[in-house]
Amino acid sequence: MPNDFTGRTLKIVEPGEIPLANFKVKGGLWTGAAASAVFTLVDAAGRTYDITFPSDGFVVTIPEWGWISGPAAITAMPSGEMALYLGTK
């Protein structure tokens, strides 16, 4: 299943570009990843968001990140599925 950026929930399963202009991340969930896997997102302003999957975890809850300058790049996504929930304001 490829990445899906068409709805209010971004579904990410592999590295690549998020082809959206500025967007607001209200939170999210990362499931099914291997222990110590690292997810990295870098926005157009150069801000980096890194998350490491814990060795004893089944789900990682993503906090609100606020506005992301797009387009953004997912530079690391080794396993699992990331769901980022978009805000409207």
N, C-alpha and C. Protein backbone atom coordinates (compact mmCIF):
# COMPACT_ATOMS: atom_id res chain seq x y z
N MET A 1 0.85 -1.17 0.00
CA MET A 1 0.00 0.00 0.00
C MET A 1 0.90 1.24 0.00
N PRO A 2 0.75 2.13 -0.94
CA PRO A 2 1.56 3.36 -0.98
C PRO A 2 1.05 4.40 0.02
N ASN A 3 1.83 5.46 0.19
CA ASN A 3 1.40 6.59 1.02
C ASN A 3 0.11 7.17 0.46
N ASP A 4 -0.74 7.69 1.35
CA ASP A 4 -2.01 8.30 0.94
C ASP A 4 -2.12 9.67 1.61
N PHE A 5 -2.12 10.72 0.80
CA PHE A 5 -2.21 12.09 1.30
C PHE A 5 -3.49 12.77 0.85
N THR A 6 -4.55 12.02 0.59
CA THR A 6 -5.76 12.59 0.00
C THR A 6 -6.82 13.04 1.01
N GLY A 7 -6.76 12.60 2.24
CA GLY A 7 -7.82 12.95 3.19
C GLY A 7 -7.30 13.80 4.33
N ARG A 8 -8.06 13.84 5.42
CA ARG A 8 -7.67 14.60 6.61
C ARG A 8 -6.70 13.80 7.48
N THR A 9 -6.47 12.53 7.12
CA THR A 9 -5.47 11.70 7.79
C THR A 9 -4.44 11.29 6.76
N LEU A 10 -3.19 11.69 6.99
CA LEU A 10 -2.11 11.29 6.10
C LEU A 10 -1.66 9.90 6.52
N LYS A 11 -1.64 8.95 5.58
CA LYS A 11 -1.21 7.59 5.86
C LYS A 11 0.14 7.37 5.20
N ILE A 12 1.15 7.11 6.03
CA ILE A 12 2.52 7.02 5.56
C ILE A 12 3.08 5.64 5.86
N VAL A 13 3.62 4.98 4.82
CA VAL A 13 4.23 3.66 4.99
C VAL A 13 5.64 3.59 4.42
N GLU A 14 6.08 4.66 3.75
CA GLU A 14 7.41 4.64 3.14
C GLU A 14 7.94 6.07 3.00
N PRO A 15 9.25 6.25 2.88
CA PRO A 15 9.81 7.59 2.69
C PRO A 15 9.29 8.22 1.40
N GLY A 16 9.31 9.53 1.34
CA GLY A 16 8.87 10.26 0.16
C GLY A 16 8.45 11.67 0.53
N GLU A 17 7.88 12.37 -0.43
CA GLU A 17 7.45 13.75 -0.22
C GLU A 17 5.97 13.81 0.11
N ILE A 18 5.63 14.69 1.05
CA ILE A 18 4.23 15.02 1.32
C ILE A 18 3.94 16.26 0.47
N PRO A 19 3.18 16.10 -0.61
CA PRO A 19 3.02 17.18 -1.59
C PRO A 19 1.95 18.20 -1.22
N LEU A 20 1.95 18.62 0.03
CA LEU A 20 0.96 19.60 0.50
C LEU A 20 1.67 20.90 0.82
N ALA A 21 0.97 22.01 0.64
CA ALA A 21 1.48 23.29 1.13
C ALA A 21 1.44 23.22 2.65
N ASN A 22 1.53 24.31 3.34
CA ASN A 22 1.52 24.30 4.80
C ASN A 22 0.32 23.52 5.32
N PHE A 23 0.57 22.68 6.33
CA PHE A 23 -0.51 21.89 6.92
C PHE A 23 -0.26 21.76 8.42
N LYS A 24 -1.35 21.57 9.16
CA LYS A 24 -1.28 21.51 10.61
C LYS A 24 -1.47 20.07 11.09
N VAL A 25 -0.52 19.57 11.87
CA VAL A 25 -0.61 18.22 12.43
C VAL A 25 -1.16 18.33 13.85
N LYS A 26 -2.36 17.76 14.05
CA LYS A 26 -3.01 17.79 15.36
C LYS A 26 -2.61 16.60 16.23
N GLY A 27 -1.95 15.60 15.65
CA GLY A 27 -1.54 14.41 16.38
C GLY A 27 -1.47 13.24 15.43
N GLY A 28 -1.30 12.06 15.99
CA GLY A 28 -1.23 10.89 15.13
C GLY A 28 -0.90 9.63 15.89
N LEU A 29 -0.77 8.54 15.14
CA LEU A 29 -0.41 7.23 15.69
C LEU A 29 0.57 6.54 14.75
N TRP A 30 1.55 5.88 15.33
CA TRP A 30 2.49 5.06 14.57
C TRP A 30 2.35 3.64 15.09
N THR A 31 2.00 2.71 14.23
CA THR A 31 1.76 1.33 14.64
C THR A 31 2.59 0.37 13.79
N GLY A 32 2.83 -0.81 14.34
CA GLY A 32 3.43 -1.89 13.58
C GLY A 32 4.89 -1.76 13.23
N ALA A 33 5.62 -0.90 13.90
CA ALA A 33 7.03 -0.70 13.56
C ALA A 33 7.92 -1.62 14.41
N ALA A 34 9.13 -1.85 13.92
CA ALA A 34 10.11 -2.63 14.66
C ALA A 34 10.71 -1.77 15.78
N ALA A 35 11.15 -2.43 16.82
CA ALA A 35 11.78 -1.72 17.94
C ALA A 35 12.97 -0.91 17.43
N SER A 36 13.09 0.30 17.92
CA SER A 36 14.18 1.24 17.59
C SER A 36 14.09 1.82 16.19
N ALA A 37 13.02 1.56 15.46
CA ALA A 37 12.83 2.19 14.15
C ALA A 37 12.68 3.69 14.36
N VAL A 38 13.19 4.48 13.41
CA VAL A 38 13.12 5.93 13.52
C VAL A 38 12.35 6.50 12.33
N PHE A 39 11.35 7.33 12.64
CA PHE A 39 10.58 8.08 11.64
C PHE A 39 11.14 9.49 11.65
N THR A 40 11.44 10.03 10.46
CA THR A 40 11.95 11.40 10.36
C THR A 40 11.19 12.16 9.29
N LEU A 41 10.70 13.34 9.66
CA LEU A 41 10.04 14.25 8.73
C LEU A 41 10.79 15.58 8.79
N VAL A 42 11.11 16.13 7.61
CA VAL A 42 11.79 17.42 7.53
C VAL A 42 10.90 18.34 6.70
N ASP A 43 10.54 19.51 7.28
CA ASP A 43 9.66 20.41 6.53
C ASP A 43 10.47 21.39 5.69
N ALA A 44 9.78 22.19 4.90
CA ALA A 44 10.42 23.12 3.96
C ALA A 44 11.21 24.21 4.68
N ALA A 45 10.91 24.45 5.96
CA ALA A 45 11.64 25.44 6.74
C ALA A 45 12.88 24.84 7.41
N GLY A 46 13.11 23.54 7.20
CA GLY A 46 14.27 22.88 7.76
C GLY A 46 14.07 22.29 9.15
N ARG A 47 12.85 22.35 9.67
CA ARG A 47 12.58 21.75 10.99
C ARG A 47 12.51 20.23 10.83
N THR A 48 13.08 19.52 11.79
CA THR A 48 13.11 18.06 11.76
C THR A 48 12.30 17.50 12.90
N TYR A 49 11.48 16.50 12.60
CA TYR A 49 10.67 15.80 13.60
C TYR A 49 11.11 14.34 13.57
N ASP A 50 11.74 13.88 14.65
CA ASP A 50 12.22 12.49 14.77
C ASP A 50 11.44 11.79 15.86
N ILE A 51 11.05 10.55 15.57
CA ILE A 51 10.37 9.73 16.57
C ILE A 51 11.00 8.34 16.50
N THR A 52 11.32 7.78 17.66
CA THR A 52 11.88 6.44 17.74
C THR A 52 10.85 5.50 18.34
N PHE A 53 10.63 4.37 17.67
CA PHE A 53 9.66 3.39 18.16
C PHE A 53 10.28 2.65 19.35
N PRO A 54 9.56 2.56 20.48
CA PRO A 54 10.12 1.91 21.67
C PRO A 54 10.19 0.40 21.51
N SER A 55 11.06 -0.21 22.27
CA SER A 55 11.22 -1.66 22.18
C SER A 55 10.03 -2.41 22.77
N ASP A 56 9.31 -1.79 23.68
CA ASP A 56 8.18 -2.47 24.32
C ASP A 56 6.84 -1.91 23.86
N GLY A 57 6.82 -1.17 22.77
CA GLY A 57 5.60 -0.50 22.35
C GLY A 57 4.89 -1.18 21.20
N PHE A 58 3.59 -0.97 21.15
CA PHE A 58 2.79 -1.44 20.03
C PHE A 58 2.23 -0.26 19.24
N VAL A 59 2.18 0.91 19.92
CA VAL A 59 1.66 2.13 19.31
C VAL A 59 2.43 3.31 19.91
N VAL A 60 2.76 4.27 19.04
CA VAL A 60 3.34 5.51 19.51
C VAL A 60 2.33 6.61 19.21
N THR A 61 1.94 7.36 20.23
CA THR A 61 1.03 8.48 20.06
C THR A 61 1.86 9.71 19.71
N ILE A 62 1.50 10.35 18.61
CA ILE A 62 2.19 11.54 18.14
C ILE A 62 1.49 12.77 18.73
N PRO A 63 2.23 13.66 19.39
CA PRO A 63 1.60 14.87 19.92
C PRO A 63 1.32 15.88 18.80
N GLU A 64 0.63 16.94 19.16
CA GLU A 64 0.39 18.00 18.18
C GLU A 64 1.70 18.67 17.81
N TRP A 65 1.99 18.78 16.51
CA TRP A 65 3.20 19.44 16.02
C TRP A 65 2.92 20.86 15.57
N GLY A 66 1.66 21.19 15.34
CA GLY A 66 1.34 22.52 14.82
C GLY A 66 1.55 22.58 13.32
N TRP A 67 1.88 23.79 12.84
CA TRP A 67 2.00 24.01 11.39
C TRP A 67 3.33 23.48 10.86
N ILE A 68 3.23 22.72 9.79
CA ILE A 68 4.39 22.18 9.07
C ILE A 68 4.48 22.94 7.74
N SER A 69 5.67 23.43 7.42
CA SER A 69 5.87 24.13 6.15
C SER A 69 6.06 23.09 5.05
N GLY A 70 5.17 23.13 4.08
CA GLY A 70 5.22 22.14 3.01
C GLY A 70 5.82 22.69 1.75
N PRO A 71 6.19 21.82 0.84
CA PRO A 71 6.10 20.37 1.00
C PRO A 71 7.13 19.86 2.00
N ALA A 72 6.82 18.73 2.62
CA ALA A 72 7.70 18.14 3.62
C ALA A 72 8.22 16.81 3.07
N ALA A 73 9.35 16.38 3.61
CA ALA A 73 9.95 15.12 3.16
C ALA A 73 10.01 14.13 4.32
N ILE A 74 9.58 12.91 4.04
CA ILE A 74 9.75 11.82 4.99
C ILE A 74 11.07 11.17 4.60
N THR A 75 12.10 11.35 5.41
CA THR A 75 13.42 10.84 5.06
C THR A 75 13.72 9.48 5.67
N ALA A 76 12.94 9.08 6.68
CA ALA A 76 13.10 7.76 7.28
C ALA A 76 11.74 7.22 7.70
N MET A 77 11.43 6.03 7.22
CA MET A 77 10.21 5.31 7.60
C MET A 77 10.48 3.83 7.33
N PRO A 78 11.20 3.16 8.26
CA PRO A 78 11.64 1.80 7.99
C PRO A 78 10.56 0.74 8.10
N SER A 79 9.54 0.97 8.93
CA SER A 79 8.50 -0.05 9.08
C SER A 79 7.27 0.55 9.75
N GLY A 80 6.17 -0.18 9.67
CA GLY A 80 4.94 0.24 10.29
C GLY A 80 4.13 1.20 9.44
N GLU A 81 3.11 1.77 10.06
CA GLU A 81 2.25 2.76 9.39
C GLU A 81 2.06 3.96 10.30
N MET A 82 2.29 5.14 9.74
CA MET A 82 2.10 6.40 10.46
C MET A 82 0.81 7.04 9.98
N ALA A 83 -0.03 7.43 10.90
CA ALA A 83 -1.24 8.20 10.59
C ALA A 83 -1.09 9.55 11.25
N LEU A 84 -1.04 10.63 10.45
CA LEU A 84 -0.98 11.98 10.97
C LEU A 84 -2.32 12.65 10.73
N TYR A 85 -2.91 13.18 11.80
CA TYR A 85 -4.23 13.80 11.72
C TYR A 85 -4.07 15.30 11.46
N LEU A 86 -4.71 15.79 10.42
CA LEU A 86 -4.59 17.19 10.04
C LEU A 86 -5.65 18.04 10.72
N GLY A 87 -5.24 19.21 11.16
CA GLY A 87 -6.15 20.19 11.73
C GLY A 87 -6.64 21.13 10.67
N THR A 88 -7.68 21.87 10.97
CA THR A 88 -8.24 22.81 10.00
C THR A 88 -7.93 24.25 10.33
N LYS A 89 -7.55 24.53 11.55
CA LYS A 89 -7.24 25.92 11.96
C LYS A 89 -6.00 25.93 12.79
